[in-house]
Structure formats: C-alpha cells, structure tokens
PDB file of N, CA and C in Angstrom:
ATOM      1  N   UNK A   1      97.717  82.370 113.264  1.00  0.00           N
ATOM      2  CA  UNK A   1      98.727  83.234 112.670  1.00  0.00           C
ATOM      3  C   UNK A   1      98.938  82.896 111.200  1.00  0.00           C
ATOM      4  N   UNK A   2      98.932  81.620 110.920  1.00  0.00           N
ATOM      5  CA  UNK A   2      99.144  81.201 109.538  1.00  0.00           C
ATOM      6  C   UNK A   2      97.974  81.619 108.656  1.00  0.00           C
ATOM      7  N   UNK A   3      96.768  81.564 109.210  1.00  0.00           N
ATOM      8  CA  UNK A   3      95.601  81.993 108.447  1.00  0.00           C
ATOM      9  C   UNK A   3      95.688  83.475 108.107  1.00  0.00           C
ATOM     10  N   UNK A   4      96.172  84.258 109.047  1.00  0.00           N
ATOM     11  CA  UNK A   4      96.333  85.695 108.816  1.00  0.00           C
ATOM     12  C   UNK A   4      97.340  85.946 107.700  1.00  0.00           C
ATOM     13  N   UNK A   5      98.426  85.189 107.697  1.00  0.00           N
ATOM     14  CA  UNK A   5      99.425  85.319 106.634  1.00  0.00           C
ATOM     15  C   UNK A   5      98.812  84.954 105.277  1.00  0.00           C
ATOM     16  N   UNK A   6      98.052  83.881 105.241  1.00  0.00           N
ATOM     17  CA  UNK A   6      97.414  83.482 103.985  1.00  0.00           C
ATOM     18  C   UNK A   6      96.439  84.549 103.490  1.00  0.00           C
ATOM     19  N   UNK A   7      95.687  85.160 104.410  1.00  0.00           N
ATOM     20  CA  UNK A   7      94.774  86.232 104.018  1.00  0.00           C
ATOM     21  C   UNK A   7      95.531  87.426 103.448  1.00  0.00           C
ATOM     22  N   UNK A   8      96.657  87.763 104.064  1.00  0.00           N
ATOM     23  CA  UNK A   8      97.450  88.893 103.591  1.00  0.00           C
ATOM     24  C   UNK A   8      98.025  88.608 102.202  1.00  0.00           C
ATOM     25  N   UNK A   9      98.489  87.405 101.974  1.00  0.00           N
ATOM     26  CA  UNK A   9      99.003  87.030 100.643  1.00  0.00           C
ATOM     27  C   UNK A   9      97.882  87.115  99.614  1.00  0.00           C
ATOM     28  N   UNK A  10      96.727  86.609  99.974  1.00  0.00           N
ATOM     29  CA  UNK A  10      95.583  86.645  99.074  1.00  0.00           C
ATOM     30  C   UNK A  10      95.193  88.086  98.743  1.00  0.00           C
ATOM     31  N   UNK A  11      95.174  88.942  99.756  1.00  0.00           N
ATOM     32  CA  UNK A  11      94.813  90.341  99.550  1.00  0.00           C
ATOM     33  C   UNK A  11      95.815  91.047  98.635  1.00  0.00           C
ATOM     34  N   UNK A  12      97.095  90.837  98.888  1.00  0.00           N
ATOM     35  CA  UNK A  12      98.126  91.517  98.083  1.00  0.00           C
ATOM     36  C   UNK A  12      98.156  91.006  96.648  1.00  0.00           C
ATOM     37  N   UNK A  13      97.941  89.715  96.447  1.00  0.00           N
ATOM     38  CA  UNK A  13      97.951  89.199  95.074  1.00  0.00           C
ATOM     39  C   UNK A  13      96.720  89.657  94.307  1.00  0.00           C
ATOM     40  N   UNK A  14      95.610  89.886  94.999  1.00  0.00           N
ATOM     41  CA  UNK A  14      94.426  90.429  94.332  1.00  0.00           C
ATOM     42  C   UNK A  14      94.667  91.848  93.848  1.00  0.00           C
ATOM     43  N   UNK A  15      95.428  92.609  94.602  1.00  0.00           N
ATOM     44  CA  UNK A  15      95.729  93.995  94.205  1.00  0.00           C
ATOM     45  C   UNK A  15      96.521  94.007  92.906  1.00  0.00           C
ATOM     46  N   UNK A  16      97.489  93.115  92.789  1.00  0.00           N
ATOM     47  CA  UNK A  16      98.332  93.064  91.589  1.00  0.00           C
ATOM     48  C   UNK A  16      97.549  92.517  90.403  1.00  0.00           C
ATOM     49  N   UNK A  17      96.731  91.538  90.633  1.00  0.00           N
ATOM     50  CA  UNK A  17      95.858  90.865  89.675  1.00  0.00           C
ATOM     51  C   UNK A  17      96.598  90.022  88.644  1.00  0.00           C
ATOM     52  N   UNK A  18      97.459  90.598  87.862  1.00  0.00           N
ATOM     53  CA  UNK A  18      98.130  89.842  86.797  1.00  0.00           C
ATOM     54  C   UNK A  18      99.635  89.950  86.998  1.00  0.00           C
ATOM     55  N   UNK A  19     100.286  88.808  87.123  1.00  0.00           N
ATOM     56  CA  UNK A  19     101.735  88.775  87.261  1.00  0.00           C
ATOM     57  C   UNK A  19     102.345  88.456  85.901  1.00  0.00           C
ATOM     58  N   UNK A  20     103.442  89.112  85.551  1.00  0.00           N
ATOM     59  CA  UNK A  20     104.067  88.853  84.250  1.00  0.00           C
ATOM     60  C   UNK A  20     104.606  87.428  84.127  1.00  0.00           C
ATOM     61  N   UNK A  21     105.086  86.863  85.248  1.00  0.00           N
ATOM     62  CA  UNK A  21     105.576  85.491  85.242  1.00  0.00           C
ATOM     63  C   UNK A  21     105.522  84.940  86.656  1.00  0.00           C
ATOM     64  N   UNK A  22     105.706  83.654  86.796  1.00  0.00           N
ATOM     65  CA  UNK A  22     105.569  82.982  88.090  1.00  0.00           C
ATOM     66  C   UNK A  22     106.593  83.481  89.105  1.00  0.00           C
ATOM     67  N   UNK A  23     107.783  83.846  88.641  1.00  0.00           N
ATOM     68  CA  UNK A  23     108.828  84.313  89.548  1.00  0.00           C
ATOM     69  C   UNK A  23     108.414  85.605  90.262  1.00  0.00           C
ATOM     70  N   UNK A  24     107.704  86.482  89.577  1.00  0.00           N
ATOM     71  CA  UNK A  24     107.283  87.733  90.213  1.00  0.00           C
ATOM     72  C   UNK A  24     106.254  87.467  91.308  1.00  0.00           C
ATOM     73  N   UNK A  25     105.373  86.523  91.094  1.00  0.00           N
ATOM     74  CA  UNK A  25     104.407  86.145  92.124  1.00  0.00           C
ATOM     75  C   UNK A  25     105.133  85.541  93.325  1.00  0.00           C
ATOM     76  N   UNK A  26     106.060  84.665  93.061  1.00  0.00           N
ATOM     77  CA  UNK A  26     106.826  84.034  94.121  1.00  0.00           C
ATOM     78  C   UNK A  26     107.647  85.061  94.899  1.00  0.00           C
ATOM     79  N   UNK A  27     108.191  86.043  94.209  1.00  0.00           N
ATOM     80  CA  UNK A  27     108.964  87.094  94.871  1.00  0.00           C
ATOM     81  C   UNK A  27     108.089  87.898  95.833  1.00  0.00           C
ATOM     82  N   UNK A  28     106.852  88.209  95.416  1.00  0.00           N
ATOM     83  CA  UNK A  28     105.928  88.930  96.283  1.00  0.00           C
ATOM     84  C   UNK A  28     105.580  88.105  97.520  1.00  0.00           C
ATOM     85  N   UNK A  29     105.288  86.845  97.321  1.00  0.00           N
ATOM     86  CA  UNK A  29     104.927  85.971  98.444  1.00  0.00           C
ATOM     87  C   UNK A  29     106.108  85.819  99.399  1.00  0.00           C
ATOM     88  N   UNK A  30     107.296  85.661  98.878  1.00  0.00           N
ATOM     89  CA  UNK A  30     108.482  85.558  99.744  1.00  0.00           C
ATOM     90  C   UNK A  30     108.699  86.830 100.545  1.00  0.00           C
ATOM     91  N   UNK A  31     108.534  87.982  99.910  1.00  0.00           N
ATOM     92  CA  UNK A  31     108.715  89.258 100.607  1.00  0.00           C
ATOM     93  C   UNK A  31     107.700  89.402 101.733  1.00  0.00           C
ATOM     94  N   UNK A  32     106.472  89.002 101.486  1.00  0.00           N
ATOM     95  CA  UNK A  32     105.448  89.062 102.532  1.00  0.00           C
ATOM     96  C   UNK A  32     105.770  88.117 103.682  1.00  0.00           C
ATOM     97  N   UNK A  33     106.262  86.936 103.353  1.00  0.00           N
ATOM     98  CA  UNK A  33     106.622  85.974 104.398  1.00  0.00           C
ATOM     99  C   UNK A  33     107.785  86.489 105.248  1.00  0.00           C
ATOM    100  N   UNK A  34     108.776  87.067 104.616  1.00  0.00           N
ATOM    101  CA  UNK A  34     109.918  87.603 105.358  1.00  0.00           C
ATOM    102  C   UNK A  34     109.468  88.753 106.242  1.00  0.00           C
ATOM    103  N   UNK A  35     108.648  89.647 105.712  1.00  0.00           N
ATOM    104  CA  UNK A  35     108.148  90.780 106.485  1.00  0.00           C
ATOM    105  C   UNK A  35     107.334  90.306 107.691  1.00  0.00           C
ATOM    106  N   UNK A  36     106.477  89.330 107.473  1.00  0.00           N
ATOM    107  CA  UNK A  36     105.657  88.797 108.555  1.00  0.00           C
ATOM    108  C   UNK A  36     106.516  88.104 109.598  1.00  0.00           C
ATOM    109  N   UNK A  37     107.506  87.358 109.163  1.00  0.00           N
ATOM    110  CA  UNK A  37     108.394  86.665 110.089  1.00  0.00           C
ATOM    111  C   UNK A  37     109.138  87.658 110.978  1.00  0.00           C
ATOM    112  N   UNK A  38     109.655  88.717 110.382  1.00  0.00           N
ATOM    113  CA  UNK A  38     110.364  89.729 111.156  1.00  0.00           C
ATOM    114  C   UNK A  38     109.434  90.414 112.148  1.00  0.00           C
ATOM    115  N   UNK A  39     108.205  90.667 111.725  1.00  0.00           N
ATOM    116  CA  UNK A  39     107.227  91.291 112.621  1.00  0.00           C
ATOM    117  C   UNK A  39     106.920  90.375 113.788  1.00  0.00           C
ATOM    118  N   UNK A  40     106.750  89.091 113.527  1.00  0.00           N
ATOM    119  CA  UNK A  40     106.467  88.133 114.606  1.00  0.00           C
ATOM    120  C   UNK A  40     107.634  88.064 115.583  1.00  0.00           C
ATOM    121  N   UNK A  41     108.840  88.106 115.072  1.00  0.00           N
ATOM    122  CA  UNK A  41     109.997  88.035 115.966  1.00  0.00           C
ATOM    123  C   UNK A  41     110.104  89.264 116.857  1.00  0.00           C
ATOM    124  N   UNK A  42     109.819  90.426 116.302  1.00  0.00           N
ATOM    125  CA  UNK A  42     110.010  91.672 117.032  1.00  0.00           C
ATOM    126  C   UNK A  42     108.827  92.043 117.916  1.00  0.00           C
ATOM    127  N   UNK A  43     107.611  91.844 117.435  1.00  0.00           N
ATOM    128  CA  UNK A  43     106.440  92.373 118.120  1.00  0.00           C
ATOM    129  C   UNK A  43     105.759  91.394 119.065  1.00  0.00           C
ATOM    130  N   UNK A  44     105.533  90.197 118.628  1.00  0.00           N
ATOM    131  CA  UNK A  44     104.718  89.272 119.410  1.00  0.00           C
ATOM    132  C   UNK A  44     105.559  88.454 120.367  1.00  0.00           C
ATOM    133  N   UNK A  45     105.317  88.690 121.614  1.00  0.00           N
ATOM    134  CA  UNK A  45     105.950  87.887 122.652  1.00  0.00           C
ATOM    135  C   UNK A  45     104.828  87.346 123.507  1.00  0.00           C
ATOM    136  N   UNK A  46     104.579  86.071 123.379  1.00  0.00           N
ATOM    137  CA  UNK A  46     103.467  85.484 124.103  1.00  0.00           C
ATOM    138  C   UNK A  46     103.773  85.377 125.586  1.00  0.00           C
ATOM    139  N   UNK A  47     104.986  85.091 125.921  1.00  0.00           N
ATOM    140  CA  UNK A  47     105.405  85.024 127.311  1.00  0.00           C
ATOM    141  C   UNK A  47     106.577  85.972 127.494  1.00  0.00           C
ATOM    142  N   UNK A  48     106.340  87.026 128.206  1.00  0.00           N
ATOM    143  CA  UNK A  48     107.414  87.960 128.482  1.00  0.00           C
ATOM    144  C   UNK A  48     108.197  87.428 129.682  1.00  0.00           C
ATOM    145  N   UNK A  49     109.385  86.973 129.449  1.00  0.00           N
ATOM    146  CA  UNK A  49     110.200  86.338 130.490  1.00  0.00           C
ATOM    147  C   UNK A  49     110.499  87.295 131.643  1.00  0.00           C
ATOM    148  N   UNK A  50     110.668  88.565 131.362  1.00  0.00           N
ATOM    149  CA  UNK A  50     110.967  89.533 132.414  1.00  0.00           C
ATOM    150  C   UNK A  50     109.811  89.654 133.401  1.00  0.00           C
ATOM    151  N   UNK A  51     108.588  89.720 132.867  1.00  0.00           N
ATOM    152  CA  UNK A  51     107.430  89.808 133.750  1.00  0.00           C
ATOM    153  C   UNK A  51     107.251  88.537 134.575  1.00  0.00           C
ATOM    154  N   UNK A  52     107.478  87.391 133.966  1.00  0.00           N
ATOM    155  CA  UNK A  52     107.366  86.135 134.698  1.00  0.00           C
ATOM    156  C   UNK A  52     108.413  86.043 135.801  1.00  0.00           C
ATOM    157  N   UNK A  53     109.605  86.491 135.519  1.00  0.00           N
ATOM    158  CA  UNK A  53     110.678  86.452 136.513  1.00  0.00           C
ATOM    159  C   UNK A  53     110.386  87.405 137.673  1.00  0.00           C
ATOM    160  N   UNK A  54     109.861  88.588 137.363  1.00  0.00           N
ATOM    161  CA  UNK A  54     109.507  89.549 138.416  1.00  0.00           C
ATOM    162  C   UNK A  54     108.388  88.998 139.299  1.00  0.00           C
ATOM    163  N   UNK A  55     107.422  88.365 138.697  1.00  0.00           N
ATOM    164  CA  UNK A  55     106.334  87.775 139.471  1.00  0.00           C
ATOM    165  C   UNK A  55     106.858  86.647 140.363  1.00  0.00           C
ATOM    166  N   UNK A  56     107.751  85.873 139.850  1.00  0.00           N
ATOM    167  CA  UNK A  56     108.337  84.772 140.633  1.00  0.00           C
ATOM    168  C   UNK A  56     109.094  85.321 141.846  1.00  0.00           C
ATOM    169  N   UNK A  57     109.847  86.402 141.639  1.00  0.00           N
ATOM    170  CA  UNK A  57     110.574  87.022 142.751  1.00  0.00           C
ATOM    171  C   UNK A  57     109.622  87.543 143.820  1.00  0.00           C
ATOM    172  N   UNK A  58     108.519  88.150 143.386  1.00  0.00           N
ATOM    173  CA  UNK A  58     107.535  88.650 144.344  1.00  0.00           C
ATOM    174  C   UNK A  58     106.923  87.509 145.148  1.00  0.00           C
ATOM    175  N   UNK A  59     106.642  86.404 144.501  1.00  0.00           N
ATOM    176  CA  UNK A  59     106.072  85.249 145.204  1.00  0.00           C
ATOM    177  C   UNK A  59     107.066  84.686 146.210  1.00  0.00           C
ATOM    178  N   UNK A  60     108.346  84.651 145.835  1.00  0.00           N
ATOM    179  CA  UNK A  60     109.357  84.162 146.771  1.00  0.00           C
ATOM    180  C   UNK A  60     109.495  85.090 147.972  1.00  0.00           C
ATOM    181  N   UNK A  61     109.424  86.400 147.746  1.00  0.00           N
ATOM    182  CA  UNK A  61     109.507  87.355 148.844  1.00  0.00           C
ATOM    183  C   UNK A  61     108.300  87.225 149.774  1.00  0.00           C
ATOM    184  N   UNK A  62     107.111  87.038 149.195  1.00  0.00           N
ATOM    185  CA  UNK A  62     105.895  86.919 149.983  1.00  0.00           C
ATOM    186  C   UNK A  62     105.907  85.641 150.819  1.00  0.00           C
ATOM    187  N   UNK A  63     106.507  84.579 150.279  1.00  0.00           N
ATOM    188  CA  UNK A  63     106.555  83.309 150.980  1.00  0.00           C
ATOM    189  C   UNK A  63     107.576  83.330 152.120  1.00  0.00           C
ATOM    190  N   UNK A  64     108.574  84.187 152.024  1.00  0.00           N
ATOM    191  CA  UNK A  64     109.644  84.224 153.023  1.00  0.00           C
ATOM    192  C   UNK A  64     109.307  85.015 154.242  1.00  0.00           C
TER     193      UNK A  64
END
C-alpha cells in the first residue's frame, strides 16, 4: 500500500514538474496522503466483521 502511495506522489509531482517553492510541493503531498488515507478508511476492509460473524453463527447452528 505504501509503495502505491509513493508511486502516486511521484506521478503527480511529475505532472506539475516545477514547484514555485517547497511549501507548494509539501501541500500537494499532504493532500494526496489525506485523500489516500480517507480512501483506505472507507473502501478497504480486509476483514469484514459482519461476514465473519455470520459465518460463525452458521457454524454454531450446524454444530448444534
């Protein structure tokens, strides 16, 4: 995941090519990090707790 973020930062900074000052570059990188963080929180769920709980209930019913 971190490699993907680094690639995205590299790609976006190449598009801009020349930054007027260091703060503008840092602002772009921060915005990308915040956007990526929000996307990870909302979209990627490696373990869906609801599905695991439903499967556990089915196993308990089958065992009973």
